[in-house]
N, C-alpha and C. Protein backbone atom coordinates (compact mmCIF):
# COMPACT_ATOMS: atom_id res chain seq x y z
N MET A 1 -35.18 -45.93 43.58
CA MET A 1 -33.84 -46.04 43.10
C MET A 1 -33.79 -45.90 41.58
N SER A 2 -34.70 -46.50 40.90
CA SER A 2 -34.73 -46.40 39.45
C SER A 2 -35.06 -44.97 39.01
N GLU A 3 -35.86 -44.27 39.82
CA GLU A 3 -36.17 -42.88 39.50
C GLU A 3 -34.90 -42.02 39.62
N LEU A 4 -34.12 -42.29 40.64
CA LEU A 4 -32.87 -41.57 40.84
C LEU A 4 -31.89 -41.87 39.70
N ALA A 5 -31.82 -43.10 39.28
CA ALA A 5 -30.95 -43.49 38.18
C ALA A 5 -31.44 -42.85 36.88
N SER A 6 -32.76 -42.78 36.73
CA SER A 6 -33.34 -42.17 35.54
C SER A 6 -33.01 -40.67 35.50
N ARG A 7 -33.13 -40.00 36.66
CA ARG A 7 -32.79 -38.57 36.75
C ARG A 7 -31.30 -38.37 36.47
N GLU A 8 -30.47 -39.23 37.03
CA GLU A 8 -29.03 -39.13 36.81
C GLU A 8 -28.71 -39.30 35.33
N ALA A 9 -29.35 -40.26 34.67
CA ALA A 9 -29.11 -40.49 33.24
C ALA A 9 -29.58 -39.28 32.43
N ALA A 10 -30.72 -38.71 32.85
CA ALA A 10 -31.24 -37.52 32.15
C ALA A 10 -30.27 -36.35 32.32
N LEU A 11 -29.74 -36.16 33.54
CA LEU A 11 -28.79 -35.09 33.78
C LEU A 11 -27.50 -35.31 32.99
N ASP A 12 -27.05 -36.57 32.96
CA ASP A 12 -25.86 -36.90 32.18
C ASP A 12 -26.09 -36.57 30.70
N ALA A 13 -27.26 -36.91 30.20
CA ALA A 13 -27.59 -36.62 28.79
C ALA A 13 -27.61 -35.12 28.55
N GLN A 14 -28.18 -34.36 29.50
CA GLN A 14 -28.22 -32.89 29.36
C GLN A 14 -26.80 -32.31 29.38
N ILE A 15 -25.99 -32.84 30.31
CA ILE A 15 -24.60 -32.36 30.40
C ILE A 15 -23.86 -32.66 29.11
N GLU A 16 -24.02 -33.86 28.60
CA GLU A 16 -23.35 -34.24 27.36
C GLU A 16 -23.85 -33.39 26.19
N ALA A 17 -25.14 -33.11 26.14
CA ALA A 17 -25.70 -32.27 25.08
C ALA A 17 -25.14 -30.85 25.19
N ALA A 18 -25.03 -30.34 26.42
CA ALA A 18 -24.49 -29.00 26.64
C ALA A 18 -23.02 -28.96 26.22
N ARG A 19 -22.27 -30.01 26.54
CA ARG A 19 -20.86 -30.07 26.14
C ARG A 19 -20.74 -30.08 24.62
N GLU A 20 -21.57 -30.86 23.97
CA GLU A 20 -21.54 -30.95 22.51
C GLU A 20 -21.89 -29.60 21.88
N GLU A 21 -22.89 -28.95 22.44
CA GLU A 21 -23.29 -27.62 21.93
C GLU A 21 -22.16 -26.62 22.15
N ALA A 22 -21.53 -26.67 23.32
CA ALA A 22 -20.41 -25.77 23.60
C ALA A 22 -19.25 -26.04 22.65
N ARG A 23 -18.98 -27.32 22.36
CA ARG A 23 -17.92 -27.68 21.43
C ARG A 23 -18.21 -27.12 20.05
N ARG A 24 -19.47 -27.25 19.60
CA ARG A 24 -19.85 -26.72 18.28
C ARG A 24 -19.72 -25.19 18.25
N GLU A 25 -20.12 -24.54 19.34
CA GLU A 25 -20.00 -23.08 19.39
C GLU A 25 -18.54 -22.63 19.37
N VAL A 26 -17.69 -23.36 20.08
CA VAL A 26 -16.26 -23.04 20.08
C VAL A 26 -15.69 -23.23 18.68
N GLU A 27 -16.05 -24.32 18.01
CA GLU A 27 -15.58 -24.57 16.65
C GLU A 27 -16.06 -23.47 15.71
N ALA A 28 -17.33 -23.08 15.87
CA ALA A 28 -17.88 -22.01 15.02
C ALA A 28 -17.14 -20.70 15.28
N ALA A 29 -16.87 -20.40 16.56
CA ALA A 29 -16.16 -19.16 16.90
C ALA A 29 -14.73 -19.20 16.35
N GLU A 30 -14.07 -20.36 16.43
CA GLU A 30 -12.72 -20.48 15.89
C GLU A 30 -12.73 -20.31 14.38
N ALA A 31 -13.72 -20.88 13.72
CA ALA A 31 -13.83 -20.74 12.27
C ALA A 31 -14.08 -19.28 11.89
N GLU A 32 -14.94 -18.61 12.65
CA GLU A 32 -15.22 -17.19 12.39
C GLU A 32 -13.96 -16.36 12.63
N ALA A 33 -13.23 -16.65 13.68
CA ALA A 33 -11.99 -15.92 13.96
C ALA A 33 -10.97 -16.15 12.84
N ALA A 34 -10.87 -17.37 12.35
CA ALA A 34 -9.95 -17.66 11.24
C ALA A 34 -10.37 -16.91 9.98
N ARG A 35 -11.67 -16.85 9.72
CA ARG A 35 -12.19 -16.12 8.55
C ARG A 35 -11.88 -14.63 8.67
N ILE A 36 -12.11 -14.08 9.87
CA ILE A 36 -11.85 -12.65 10.09
C ILE A 36 -10.35 -12.36 9.93
N LEU A 37 -9.52 -13.24 10.47
CA LEU A 37 -8.08 -13.06 10.35
C LEU A 37 -7.63 -13.13 8.89
N ALA A 38 -8.16 -14.09 8.15
CA ALA A 38 -7.80 -14.21 6.73
C ALA A 38 -8.26 -12.97 5.96
N GLU A 39 -9.45 -12.49 6.28
CA GLU A 39 -9.96 -11.28 5.62
C GLU A 39 -9.10 -10.08 5.95
N ALA A 40 -8.70 -9.97 7.21
CA ALA A 40 -7.84 -8.85 7.63
C ALA A 40 -6.48 -8.93 6.93
N GLN A 41 -5.94 -10.12 6.81
CA GLN A 41 -4.66 -10.27 6.11
C GLN A 41 -4.80 -9.91 4.63
N ALA A 42 -5.89 -10.32 4.03
CA ALA A 42 -6.11 -9.99 2.62
C ALA A 42 -6.25 -8.48 2.44
N ARG A 43 -6.99 -7.84 3.35
CA ARG A 43 -7.14 -6.38 3.28
C ARG A 43 -5.79 -5.69 3.47
N THR A 44 -5.01 -6.20 4.43
CA THR A 44 -3.69 -5.61 4.68
C THR A 44 -2.82 -5.72 3.44
N GLN A 45 -2.82 -6.88 2.82
CA GLN A 45 -2.02 -7.06 1.61
C GLN A 45 -2.49 -6.15 0.49
N ALA A 46 -3.82 -6.01 0.36
CA ALA A 46 -4.36 -5.13 -0.68
C ALA A 46 -3.98 -3.68 -0.40
N MET A 47 -4.05 -3.29 0.87
CA MET A 47 -3.69 -1.92 1.23
C MET A 47 -2.20 -1.67 1.00
N GLN A 48 -1.37 -2.66 1.32
CA GLN A 48 0.06 -2.52 1.08
C GLN A 48 0.35 -2.41 -0.41
N ALA A 49 -0.33 -3.22 -1.19
CA ALA A 49 -0.12 -3.17 -2.65
C ALA A 49 -0.57 -1.81 -3.19
N GLU A 50 -1.69 -1.31 -2.72
CA GLU A 50 -2.17 -0.01 -3.17
C GLU A 50 -1.21 1.10 -2.75
N HIS A 51 -0.72 1.02 -1.52
CA HIS A 51 0.24 2.01 -1.05
C HIS A 51 1.51 1.98 -1.89
N GLU A 52 1.98 0.79 -2.19
CA GLU A 52 3.19 0.64 -3.03
C GLU A 52 2.95 1.22 -4.42
N ARG A 53 1.75 0.97 -4.98
CA ARG A 53 1.42 1.51 -6.30
C ARG A 53 1.41 3.04 -6.26
N GLN A 54 0.79 3.59 -5.22
CA GLN A 54 0.74 5.04 -5.10
C GLN A 54 2.14 5.62 -4.91
N LEU A 55 2.96 4.94 -4.12
CA LEU A 55 4.32 5.40 -3.89
C LEU A 55 5.12 5.40 -5.20
N GLN A 56 4.97 4.34 -5.97
CA GLN A 56 5.67 4.27 -7.26
C GLN A 56 5.19 5.36 -8.20
N ALA A 57 3.88 5.59 -8.23
CA ALA A 57 3.33 6.64 -9.10
C ALA A 57 3.86 8.01 -8.68
N GLU A 58 3.90 8.27 -7.38
CA GLU A 58 4.40 9.56 -6.88
C GLU A 58 5.89 9.71 -7.19
N THR A 59 6.65 8.63 -7.02
CA THR A 59 8.08 8.66 -7.34
C THR A 59 8.28 8.96 -8.82
N GLN A 60 7.50 8.32 -9.67
CA GLN A 60 7.61 8.55 -11.11
C GLN A 60 7.25 10.00 -11.46
N ARG A 61 6.20 10.52 -10.81
CA ARG A 61 5.79 11.90 -11.06
C ARG A 61 6.90 12.87 -10.66
N ILE A 62 7.52 12.62 -9.50
CA ILE A 62 8.59 13.49 -9.03
C ILE A 62 9.79 13.42 -9.98
N ARG A 63 10.12 12.23 -10.44
CA ARG A 63 11.24 12.09 -11.38
C ARG A 63 10.96 12.83 -12.68
N GLU A 64 9.75 12.70 -13.19
CA GLU A 64 9.40 13.37 -14.45
C GLU A 64 9.43 14.89 -14.26
N GLU A 65 8.95 15.35 -13.12
CA GLU A 65 8.96 16.78 -12.84
C GLU A 65 10.40 17.29 -12.74
N ALA A 66 11.25 16.53 -12.05
CA ALA A 66 12.66 16.93 -11.93
C ALA A 66 13.35 16.93 -13.29
N ARG A 67 13.04 15.92 -14.10
CA ARG A 67 13.62 15.84 -15.45
C ARG A 67 13.18 17.05 -16.28
N ALA A 68 11.92 17.39 -16.20
CA ALA A 68 11.41 18.53 -16.97
C ALA A 68 12.08 19.83 -16.51
N GLN A 69 12.23 19.99 -15.20
CA GLN A 69 12.89 21.19 -14.69
C GLN A 69 14.35 21.23 -15.13
N ALA A 70 15.00 20.09 -15.11
CA ALA A 70 16.41 20.03 -15.55
C ALA A 70 16.52 20.38 -17.02
N GLU A 71 15.60 19.89 -17.83
CA GLU A 71 15.62 20.19 -19.26
C GLU A 71 15.37 21.67 -19.50
N GLU A 72 14.45 22.26 -18.73
CA GLU A 72 14.20 23.69 -18.86
C GLU A 72 15.44 24.49 -18.48
N GLY A 73 16.08 24.08 -17.38
CA GLY A 73 17.30 24.77 -16.95
C GLY A 73 18.40 24.64 -17.97
N THR A 74 18.54 23.46 -18.55
CA THR A 74 19.55 23.23 -19.57
C THR A 74 19.28 24.09 -20.80
N GLN A 75 18.03 24.14 -21.20
CA GLN A 75 17.67 24.94 -22.37
C GLN A 75 17.93 26.42 -22.11
N ALA A 76 17.60 26.90 -20.93
CA ALA A 76 17.84 28.31 -20.60
C ALA A 76 19.34 28.61 -20.58
N THR A 77 20.11 27.69 -20.01
CA THR A 77 21.56 27.88 -19.98
C THR A 77 22.13 27.88 -21.39
N ARG A 78 21.64 26.99 -22.23
CA ARG A 78 22.10 26.91 -23.62
C ARG A 78 21.78 28.21 -24.36
N GLN A 79 20.59 28.74 -24.15
CA GLN A 79 20.20 29.99 -24.81
C GLN A 79 21.07 31.15 -24.34
N ARG A 80 21.34 31.20 -23.03
CA ARG A 80 22.20 32.27 -22.51
C ARG A 80 23.61 32.14 -23.10
N ALA A 81 24.10 30.92 -23.18
CA ALA A 81 25.45 30.71 -23.73
C ALA A 81 25.49 31.14 -25.19
N GLN A 82 24.48 30.79 -25.97
CA GLN A 82 24.44 31.18 -27.38
C GLN A 82 24.38 32.70 -27.51
N SER A 83 23.63 33.32 -26.65
CA SER A 83 23.53 34.77 -26.67
C SER A 83 24.87 35.41 -26.35
N ARG A 84 25.58 34.87 -25.38
CA ARG A 84 26.90 35.40 -25.02
C ARG A 84 27.91 35.18 -26.13
N VAL A 85 27.84 34.02 -26.77
CA VAL A 85 28.75 33.76 -27.90
C VAL A 85 28.47 34.76 -29.00
N GLN A 86 27.21 35.00 -29.28
CA GLN A 86 26.86 35.96 -30.33
C GLN A 86 27.33 37.36 -29.95
N GLN A 87 27.14 37.74 -28.69
CA GLN A 87 27.59 39.05 -28.24
C GLN A 87 29.11 39.16 -28.34
N ALA A 88 29.81 38.10 -27.97
CA ALA A 88 31.27 38.10 -28.04
C ALA A 88 31.74 38.22 -29.49
N ALA A 89 31.06 37.50 -30.38
CA ALA A 89 31.42 37.57 -31.81
C ALA A 89 31.19 38.97 -32.34
N GLU A 90 30.08 39.59 -31.98
CA GLU A 90 29.79 40.95 -32.42
C GLU A 90 30.83 41.92 -31.86
N HIS A 91 31.19 41.72 -30.59
CA HIS A 91 32.20 42.59 -29.96
C HIS A 91 33.55 42.46 -30.68
N ILE A 92 33.92 41.20 -30.99
CA ILE A 92 35.19 40.98 -31.69
C ILE A 92 35.14 41.62 -33.08
N LEU A 93 34.04 41.43 -33.78
CA LEU A 93 33.92 42.02 -35.10
C LEU A 93 33.98 43.54 -35.05
N ARG A 94 33.36 44.14 -34.08
CA ARG A 94 33.41 45.60 -33.96
C ARG A 94 34.83 46.06 -33.61
N ALA A 95 35.54 45.26 -32.81
CA ALA A 95 36.89 45.64 -32.44
C ALA A 95 37.85 45.46 -33.62
N VAL A 96 37.62 44.44 -34.43
CA VAL A 96 38.52 44.14 -35.54
C VAL A 96 38.19 44.99 -36.76
N LEU A 97 36.94 45.12 -37.07
CA LEU A 97 36.53 45.86 -38.27
C LEU A 97 36.38 47.35 -37.91
N PRO A 98 36.93 48.17 -38.75
CA PRO A 98 36.85 49.62 -38.47
C PRO A 98 35.47 50.18 -38.71
């Protein structure tokens, strides 16, 4: 009878040790999962910030390019207008002066 009780106590101790080990493994796995999740969130935020930075840089580049094209167009229009004014003045002078 004492041998049976001794075996039962030994089995109980093994079961309890296995439960404790399983609990520690679950805690370790949960901690690892939390670490991985935090790392993934940090990477996501970094990627979003980088994407936003690139988007702003591209937007600024497009605006500067559009501004430069508009300035070129304005300058060309101004030159054409000055040329036409000069031609008109010459035409008037030729018509008025004999």
